[in-house]
PDB file of N, CA and C in Angstrom:
ATOM      1  N   MET A   1      40.652  66.819  95.299  1.00  0.00           N
ATOM      2  CA  MET A   1      42.129  67.194  96.482  1.00  0.00           C
ATOM      3  C   MET A   1      42.771  68.336  95.344  1.00  0.00           C
ATOM      4  N   VAL A   2      42.253  68.369  94.316  1.00  0.00           N
ATOM      5  CA  VAL A   2      43.129  69.417  93.516  1.00  0.00           C
ATOM      6  C   VAL A   2      42.546  70.980  94.286  1.00  0.00           C
ATOM      7  N   ASN A   3      41.338  70.691  94.421  1.00  0.00           N
ATOM      8  CA  ASN A   3      40.216  72.043  95.293  1.00  0.00           C
ATOM      9  C   ASN A   3      40.655  72.617  96.611  1.00  0.00           C
ATOM     10  N   ILE A   4      40.880  71.241  97.112  1.00  0.00           N
ATOM     11  CA  ILE A   4      40.751  71.656  98.380  1.00  0.00           C
ATOM     12  C   ILE A   4      42.805  72.123  98.616  1.00  0.00           C
ATOM     13  N   GLY A   5      43.614  71.960  97.418  1.00  0.00           N
ATOM     14  CA  GLY A   5      44.978  72.155  97.706  1.00  0.00           C
ATOM     15  C   GLY A   5      46.084  70.471  98.298  1.00  0.00           C
ATOM     16  N   ILE A   6      45.112  69.573  98.188  1.00  0.00           N
ATOM     17  CA  ILE A   6      46.183  68.997  98.979  1.00  0.00           C
ATOM     18  C   ILE A   6      47.342  68.277  97.741  1.00  0.00           C
ATOM     19  N   ILE A   7      46.523  68.165  96.392  1.00  0.00           N
ATOM     20  CA  ILE A   7      47.730  67.938  95.351  1.00  0.00           C
ATOM     21  C   ILE A   7      47.665  68.999  94.684  1.00  0.00           C
ATOM     22  N   THR A   8      48.628  68.611  93.279  1.00  0.00           N
ATOM     23  CA  THR A   8      48.690  70.031  92.039  1.00  0.00           C
ATOM     24  C   THR A   8      47.999  69.338  91.169  1.00  0.00           C
ATOM     25  N   GLU A   9      47.408  69.752  90.026  1.00  0.00           N
ATOM     26  CA  GLU A   9      47.379  69.576  88.934  1.00  0.00           C
ATOM     27  C   GLU A   9      48.154  68.730  88.198  1.00  0.00           C
ATOM     28  N   LYS A  10      49.150  68.402  88.507  1.00  0.00           N
ATOM     29  CA  LYS A  10      50.205  67.606  87.621  1.00  0.00           C
ATOM     30  C   LYS A  10      49.987  66.434  88.515  1.00  0.00           C
ATOM     31  N   VAL A  11      50.315  66.345  89.625  1.00  0.00           N
ATOM     32  CA  VAL A  11      50.245  64.949  90.572  1.00  0.00           C
ATOM     33  C   VAL A  11      48.737  64.500  89.924  1.00  0.00           C
ATOM     34  N   ALA A  12      47.747  65.198  89.737  1.00  0.00           N
ATOM     35  CA  ALA A  12      46.117  64.903  89.856  1.00  0.00           C
ATOM     36  C   ALA A  12      46.276  63.703  88.046  1.00  0.00           C
ATOM     37  N   GLY A  13      46.761  64.682  87.452  1.00  0.00           N
ATOM     38  CA  GLY A  13      46.904  64.098  86.029  1.00  0.00           C
ATOM     39  C   GLY A  13      47.429  63.231  85.490  1.00  0.00           C
ATOM     40  N   ILE A  14      48.582  62.832  86.598  1.00  0.00           N
ATOM     41  CA  ILE A  14      49.301  61.208  86.454  1.00  0.00           C
ATOM     42  C   ILE A  14      48.661  60.280  87.411  1.00  0.00           C
ATOM     43  N   VAL A  15      48.046  60.588  88.576  1.00  0.00           N
ATOM     44  CA  VAL A  15      47.151  59.636  88.928  1.00  0.00           C
ATOM     45  C   VAL A  15      45.932  59.177  88.616  1.00  0.00           C
ATOM     46  N   LYS A  16      45.367  60.369  87.954  1.00  0.00           N
ATOM     47  CA  LYS A  16      44.696  59.891  86.717  1.00  0.00           C
ATOM     48  C   LYS A  16      44.868  58.724  85.283  1.00  0.00           C
ATOM     49  N   ALA A  17      45.860  58.607  84.877  1.00  0.00           N
ATOM     50  CA  ALA A  17      46.905  58.188  83.806  1.00  0.00           C
ATOM     51  C   ALA A  17      46.822  56.767  84.534  1.00  0.00           C
ATOM     52  N   GLU A  18      47.008  56.457  86.317  1.00  0.00           N
ATOM     53  CA  GLU A  18      47.283  55.460  86.572  1.00  0.00           C
ATOM     54  C   GLU A  18      45.894  54.500  86.622  1.00  0.00           C
ATOM     55  N   LEU A  19      45.595  55.580  87.099  1.00  0.00           N
ATOM     56  CA  LEU A  19      43.927  54.755  87.259  1.00  0.00           C
ATOM     57  C   LEU A  19      43.190  54.039  86.392  1.00  0.00           C
ATOM     58  N   SER A  20      43.303  54.491  85.117  1.00  0.00           N
ATOM     59  CA  SER A  20      42.737  54.403  84.007  1.00  0.00           C
ATOM     60  C   SER A  20      43.667  52.850  83.578  1.00  0.00           C
ATOM     61  N   LYS A  21      44.877  52.377  83.276  1.00  0.00           N
ATOM     62  CA  LYS A  21      45.671  51.949  83.385  1.00  0.00           C
ATOM     63  C   LYS A  21      45.194  50.713  84.358  1.00  0.00           C
ATOM     64  N   LEU A  22      45.105  51.025  85.625  1.00  0.00           N
ATOM     65  CA  LEU A  22      44.558  50.011  86.242  1.00  0.00           C
ATOM     66  C   LEU A  22      42.581  49.243  86.230  1.00  0.00           C
ATOM     67  N   LYS A  23      42.025  50.112  85.655  1.00  0.00           N
ATOM     68  CA  LYS A  23      40.861  49.849  84.796  1.00  0.00           C
ATOM     69  C   LYS A  23      41.246  48.834  83.978  1.00  0.00           C
ATOM     70  N   VAL A  24      41.644  49.172  82.828  1.00  0.00           N
ATOM     71  CA  VAL A  24      42.584  48.430  81.794  1.00  0.00           C
ATOM     72  C   VAL A  24      42.645  46.767  82.277  1.00  0.00           C
ATOM     73  N   GLU A  25      43.517  46.728  82.940  1.00  0.00           N
ATOM     74  CA  GLU A  25      44.033  45.687  83.828  1.00  0.00           C
ATOM     75  C   GLU A  25      43.365  44.851  84.383  1.00  0.00           C
ATOM     76  N   CYS A  26      42.321  45.354  85.453  1.00  0.00           N
ATOM     77  CA  CYS A  26      41.206  44.811  85.920  1.00  0.00           C
ATOM     78  C   CYS A  26      40.536  43.996  85.145  1.00  0.00           C
ATOM     79  N   LYS A  27      39.563  44.855  83.951  1.00  0.00           N
ATOM     80  CA  LYS A  27      39.095  43.921  83.079  1.00  0.00           C
ATOM     81  C   LYS A  27      39.894  42.745  82.418  1.00  0.00           C
ATOM     82  N   ALA A  28      40.986  43.355  81.974  1.00  0.00           N
ATOM     83  CA  ALA A  28      41.548  41.626  81.572  1.00  0.00           C
ATOM     84  C   ALA A  28      41.514  40.739  82.786  1.00  0.00           C
ATOM     85  N   LEU A  29      41.758  41.060  83.885  1.00  0.00           N
ATOM     86  CA  LEU A  29      41.995  39.528  84.541  1.00  0.00           C
ATOM     87  C   LEU A  29      40.550  39.112  84.746  1.00  0.00           C
ATOM     88  N   THR A  30      39.796  39.613  84.595  1.00  0.00           N
ATOM     89  CA  THR A  30      38.231  39.089  84.754  1.00  0.00           C
ATOM     90  C   THR A  30      37.427  38.739  83.730  1.00  0.00           C
ATOM     91  N   LYS A  31      37.208  37.668  83.029  1.00  0.00           N
ATOM     92  CA  LYS A  31      36.740  37.809  81.841  1.00  0.00           C
ATOM     93  C   LYS A  31      34.712  36.965  82.261  1.00  0.00           C
ATOM     94  N   GLU A  32      33.622  37.565  82.023  1.00  0.00           N
ATOM     95  CA  GLU A  32      32.352  37.023  82.217  1.00  0.00           C
ATOM     96  C   GLU A  32      32.117  36.732  83.893  1.00  0.00           C
ATOM     97  N   GLY A  33      32.803  37.803  84.724  1.00  0.00           N
ATOM     98  CA  GLY A  33      32.762  37.144  85.870  1.00  0.00           C
ATOM     99  C   GLY A  33      33.727  35.752  86.619  1.00  0.00           C
ATOM    100  N   ILE A  34      34.318  35.394  86.233  1.00  0.00           N
ATOM    101  CA  ILE A  34      35.515  34.198  86.451  1.00  0.00           C
ATOM    102  C   ILE A  34      36.689  34.902  86.208  1.00  0.00           C
ATOM    103  N   PRO A  35      37.258  34.905  87.668  1.00  0.00           N
ATOM    104  CA  PRO A  35      38.052  35.195  87.416  1.00  0.00           C
ATOM    105  C   PRO A  35      39.444  33.915  86.602  1.00  0.00           C
ATOM    106  N   ILE A  36      40.422  35.077  85.967  1.00  0.00           N
ATOM    107  CA  ILE A  36      41.301  34.130  84.849  1.00  0.00           C
ATOM    108  C   ILE A  36      42.214  34.061  85.422  1.00  0.00           C
ATOM    109  N   GLU A  37      42.362  33.972  86.617  1.00  0.00           N
ATOM    110  CA  GLU A  37      43.868  33.376  87.323  1.00  0.00           C
ATOM    111  C   GLU A  37      43.382  31.893  87.093  1.00  0.00           C
ATOM    112  N   LYS A  38      42.123  31.314  87.031  1.00  0.00           N
ATOM    113  CA  LYS A  38      42.142  29.680  87.250  1.00  0.00           C
ATOM    114  C   LYS A  38      43.080  28.983  85.903  1.00  0.00           C
ATOM    115  N   GLU A  39      43.137  29.940  84.768  1.00  0.00           N
ATOM    116  CA  GLU A  39      43.788  29.416  83.355  1.00  0.00           C
ATOM    117  C   GLU A  39      44.765  29.589  83.054  1.00  0.00           C
ATOM    118  N   SER A  40      45.331  29.025  81.820  1.00  0.00           N
ATOM    119  CA  SER A  40      46.734  29.702  81.857  1.00  0.00           C
ATOM    120  C   SER A  40      46.845  30.649  81.242  1.00  0.00           C
ATOM    121  N   ARG A  41      48.169  31.450  81.195  1.00  0.00           N
ATOM    122  CA  ARG A  41      48.372  32.442  80.378  1.00  0.00           C
ATOM    123  C   ARG A  41      48.132  32.498  78.932  1.00  0.00           C
ATOM    124  N   LYS A  42      48.033  31.594  78.419  1.00  0.00           N
ATOM    125  CA  LYS A  42      48.305  31.411  77.167  1.00  0.00           C
ATOM    126  C   LYS A  42      46.663  30.929  76.522  1.00  0.00           C
ATOM    127  N   ALA A  43      45.581  30.569  77.424  1.00  0.00           N
ATOM    128  CA  ALA A  43      44.012  30.108  77.336  1.00  0.00           C
ATOM    129  C   ALA A  43      43.669  31.681  77.310  1.00  0.00           C
ATOM    130  N   LYS A  44      44.421  32.647  78.360  1.00  0.00           N
ATOM    131  CA  LYS A  44      44.166  34.047  78.469  1.00  0.00           C
ATOM    132  C   LYS A  44      44.214  34.683  77.302  1.00  0.00           C
ATOM    133  N   ALA A  45      45.410  35.001  76.734  1.00  0.00           N
ATOM    134  CA  ALA A  45      46.273  35.252  75.772  1.00  0.00           C
ATOM    135  C   ALA A  45      44.666  35.125  74.694  1.00  0.00           C
ATOM    136  N   PHE A  46      44.620  33.910  74.279  1.00  0.00           N
ATOM    137  CA  PHE A  46      43.663  33.242  72.721  1.00  0.00           C
ATOM    138  C   PHE A  46      42.502  33.781  73.314  1.00  0.00           C
ATOM    139  N   GLN A  47      41.778  34.102  74.510  1.00  0.00           N
ATOM    140  CA  GLN A  47      40.387  34.620  74.875  1.00  0.00           C
ATOM    141  C   GLN A  47      40.060  35.997  73.961  1.00  0.00           C
ATOM    142  N   LEU A  48      41.306  36.844  74.983  1.00  0.00           N
ATOM    143  CA  LEU A  48      41.755  38.184  74.259  1.00  0.00           C
ATOM    144  C   LEU A  48      41.661  37.945  72.737  1.00  0.00           C
ATOM    145  N   PHE A  49      42.368  37.239  72.338  1.00  0.00           N
ATOM    146  CA  PHE A  49      42.537  37.138  70.804  1.00  0.00           C
ATOM    147  C   PHE A  49      41.270  36.979  69.985  1.00  0.00           C
ATOM    148  N   GLY A  50      40.584  36.355  70.315  1.00  0.00           N
ATOM    149  CA  GLY A  50      39.090  36.129  69.784  1.00  0.00           C
ATOM    150  C   GLY A  50      38.048  37.066  70.304  1.00  0.00           C
ATOM    151  N   ASP A  51      38.509  37.819  71.142  1.00  0.00           N
ATOM    152  CA  ASP A  51      37.442  39.177  71.307  1.00  0.00           C
ATOM    153  C   ASP A  51      37.760  40.446  70.516  1.00  0.00           C
ATOM    154  N   GLY A  52      39.281  39.979  69.744  1.00  0.00           N
ATOM    155  CA  GLY A  52      39.573  40.950  68.971  1.00  0.00           C
ATOM    156  C   GLY A  52      40.917  42.004  69.232  1.00  0.00           C
ATOM    157  N   ARG A  53      41.399  41.710  70.618  1.00  0.00           N
ATOM    158  CA  ARG A  53      42.892  41.806  70.932  1.00  0.00           C
ATOM    159  C   ARG A  53      43.912  41.385  69.809  1.00  0.00           C
ATOM    160  N   ARG A  54      44.873  42.648  70.040  1.00  0.00           N
ATOM    161  CA  ARG A  54      46.320  42.159  69.167  1.00  0.00           C
ATOM    162  C   ARG A  54      47.412  42.037  70.026  1.00  0.00           C
ATOM    163  N   PRO A  55      48.524  41.431  70.240  1.00  0.00           N
ATOM    164  CA  PRO A  55      49.366  41.010  70.993  1.00  0.00           C
ATOM    165  C   PRO A  55      49.739  42.719  71.380  1.00  0.00           C
ATOM    166  N   SER A  56      49.845  43.734  71.028  1.00  0.00           N
ATOM    167  CA  SER A  56      50.458  44.884  71.343  1.00  0.00           C
ATOM    168  C   SER A  56      49.105  45.422  72.042  1.00  0.00           C
ATOM    169  N   ASP A  57      47.815  45.614  72.293  1.00  0.00           N
ATOM    170  CA  ASP A  57      46.889  45.758  73.214  1.00  0.00           C
ATOM    171  C   ASP A  57      47.283  45.561  74.533  1.00  0.00           C
ATOM    172  N   PRO A  58      47.024  47.083  75.630  1.00  0.00           N
ATOM    173  CA  PRO A  58      47.322  46.785  77.472  1.00  0.00           C
ATOM    174  C   PRO A  58      46.728  45.489  77.740  1.00  0.00           C
ATOM    175  N   GLU A  59      45.566  44.657  77.331  1.00  0.00           N
ATOM    176  CA  GLU A  59      45.216  43.730  78.335  1.00  0.00           C
ATOM    177  C   GLU A  59      46.132  42.720  77.879  1.00  0.00           C
ATOM    178  N   VAL A  60      46.673  42.755  76.180  1.00  0.00           N
ATOM    179  CA  VAL A  60      47.584  41.022  76.612  1.00  0.00           C
ATOM    180  C   VAL A  60      48.920  41.946  77.175  1.00  0.00           C
ATOM    181  N   LYS A  61      49.187  42.852  77.286  1.00  0.00           N
ATOM    182  CA  LYS A  61      50.473  43.345  77.500  1.00  0.00           C
ATOM    183  C   LYS A  61      50.904  42.483  78.991  1.00  0.00           C
ATOM    184  N   SER A  62      49.153  43.251  79.577  1.00  0.00           N
ATOM    185  CA  SER A  62      48.758  43.112  81.365  1.00  0.00           C
ATOM    186  C   SER A  62      49.437  41.813  81.503  1.00  0.00           C
ATOM    187  N   LEU A  63      49.029  40.675  80.408  1.00  0.00           N
ATOM    188  CA  LEU A  63      49.475  39.005  81.063  1.00  0.00           C
ATOM    189  C   LEU A  63      50.909  39.027  80.993  1.00  0.00           C
ATOM    190  N   GLY A  64      51.801  39.871  80.868  1.00  0.00           N
ATOM    191  CA  GLY A  64      53.062  39.634  81.154  1.00  0.00           C
ATOM    192  C   GLY A  64      54.292  38.708  79.891  1.00  0.00           C
ATOM    193  N   PHE A  65      53.379  38.812  78.933  1.00  0.00           N
ATOM    194  CA  PHE A  65      54.110  38.132  77.938  1.00  0.00           C
ATOM    195  C   PHE A  65      55.674  38.758  77.488  1.00  0.00           C
ATOM    196  N   LYS A  66      56.568  38.459  76.898  1.00  0.00           N
ATOM    197  CA  LYS A  66      57.477  39.287  76.154  1.00  0.00           C
ATOM    198  C   LYS A  66      56.820  39.185  74.936  1.00  0.00           C
ATOM    199  N   PRO A  67      57.093  40.610  74.447  1.00  0.00           N
ATOM    200  CA  PRO A  67      56.605  40.949  73.109  1.00  0.00           C
ATOM    201  C   PRO A  67      56.501  39.865  71.793  1.00  0.00           C
ATOM    202  N   ASN A  68      57.381  39.072  71.539  1.00  0.00           N
ATOM    203  CA  ASN A  68      57.791  37.887  70.901  1.00  0.00           C
ATOM    204  C   ASN A  68      57.039  37.012  71.771  1.00  0.00           C
ATOM    205  N   SER A  69      56.518  36.683  72.426  1.00  0.00           N
ATOM    206  CA  SER A  69      55.467  35.415  72.927  1.00  0.00           C
ATOM    207  C   SER A  69      54.564  35.866  72.492  1.00  0.00           C
ATOM    208  N   ALA A  70      54.007  37.057  72.601  1.00  0.00           N
ATOM    209  CA  ALA A  70      52.622  37.008  72.230  1.00  0.00           C
ATOM    210  C   ALA A  70      52.418  37.569  71.198  1.00  0.00           C
ATOM    211  N   TYR A  71      53.671  37.759  70.338  1.00  0.00           N
ATOM    212  CA  TYR A  71      53.389  37.589  68.585  1.00  0.00           C
ATOM    213  C   TYR A  71      53.479  36.105  68.258  1.00  0.00           C
ATOM    214  N   ARG A  72      54.522  35.297  68.900  1.00  0.00           N
ATOM    215  CA  ARG A  72      53.620  34.003  68.651  1.00  0.00           C
ATOM    216  C   ARG A  72      52.424  33.363  68.624  1.00  0.00           C
ATOM    217  N   TYR A  73      52.094  33.294  70.347  1.00  0.00           N
ATOM    218  CA  TYR A  73      50.815  33.023  70.286  1.00  0.00           C
ATOM    219  C   TYR A  73      49.775  33.762  69.536  1.00  0.00           C
ATOM    220  N   PHE A  74      49.615  34.694  69.031  1.00  0.00           N
ATOM    221  CA  PHE A  74      48.666  35.635  68.187  1.00  0.00           C
ATOM    222  C   PHE A  74      48.818  34.396  66.989  1.00  0.00           C
ATOM    223  N   GLN A  75      49.955  34.294  65.966  1.00  0.00           N
ATOM    224  CA  GLN A  75      50.319  33.570  65.055  1.00  0.00           C
ATOM    225  C   GLN A  75      49.339  31.718  65.283  1.00  0.00           C
ATOM    226  N   ALA A  76      49.894  31.292  66.579  1.00  0.00           N
ATOM    227  CA  ALA A  76      49.346  30.291  67.027  1.00  0.00           C
ATOM    228  C   ALA A  76      47.550  30.282  66.601  1.00  0.00           C
ATOM    229  N   TRP A  77      47.332  31.336  67.209  1.00  0.00           N
ATOM    230  CA  TRP A  77      45.791  31.560  67.464  1.00  0.00           C
ATOM    231  C   TRP A  77      44.869  31.687  66.385  1.00  0.00           C
ATOM    232  N   LYS A  78      45.847  32.704  65.346  1.00  0.00           N
ATOM    233  CA  LYS A  78      45.309  32.425  63.819  1.00  0.00           C
ATOM    234  C   LYS A  78      45.050  31.317  63.290  1.00  0.00           C
ATOM    235  N   GLN A  79      46.199  30.527  63.232  1.00  0.00           N
ATOM    236  CA  GLN A  79      46.403  29.234  62.631  1.00  0.00           C
ATOM    237  C   GLN A  79      45.492  28.404  63.237  1.00  0.00           C
ATOM    238  N   ALA A  80      45.117  28.468  64.478  1.00  0.00           N
ATOM    239  CA  ALA A  80      44.011  27.567  64.933  1.00  0.00           C
ATOM    240  C   ALA A  80      42.763  27.750  64.460  1.00  0.00           C
ATOM    241  N   GLN A  81      42.500  29.036  64.538  1.00  0.00           N
ATOM    242  CA  GLN A  81      40.858  29.969  63.615  1.00  0.00           C
ATOM    243  C   GLN A  81      41.466  29.733  62.385  1.00  0.00           C
ATOM    244  N   LYS A  82      42.050  28.794  61.465  1.00  0.00           N
ATOM    245  CA  LYS A  82      41.829  28.833  59.975  1.00  0.00           C
ATOM    246  C   LYS A  82      41.482  27.202  60.214  1.00  0.00           C
ATOM    247  N   SER A  83      42.318  26.415  60.738  1.00  0.00           N
ATOM    248  CA  SER A  83      41.715  25.241  61.013  1.00  0.00           C
ATOM    249  C   SER A  83      40.363  24.600  61.390  1.00  0.00           C
ATOM    250  N   ALA A  84      40.124  25.608  62.474  1.00  0.00           N
ATOM    251  CA  ALA A  84      38.677  25.631  62.835  1.00  0.00           C
ATOM    252  C   ALA A  84      37.807  25.513  61.712  1.00  0.00           C
ATOM    253  N   GLU A  85      38.357  26.843  60.956  1.00  0.00           N
ATOM    254  CA  GLU A  85      36.675  26.679  59.687  1.00  0.00           C
ATOM    255  C   GLU A  85      37.224  26.180  58.622  1.00  0.00           C
ATOM    256  N   ALA A  86      38.471  25.678  58.457  1.00  0.00           N
ATOM    257  CA  ALA A  86      38.243  24.284  57.356  1.00  0.00           C
ATOM    258  C   ALA A  86      37.480  23.070  57.532  1.00  0.00           C
TER     259      ALA A  86
END
């Protein structure tokens, strides 16, 4: 579209950035081909934490938690991991 003159380079850069954000959100919405919508948001967060994600990662943020809630869920997940190991 830039080559044809429909949009400018600046607009193309913005569109590319937004598309990459959407791709990250789409990955967070499906896990192994199963829509995550059927699970609770807390369960989704715990799955992401198990995959090595942190509360500040875009996949976790896309679940819509407040930062404090995401951190509390992360701490609860770590405690659950410790008790499972013992």
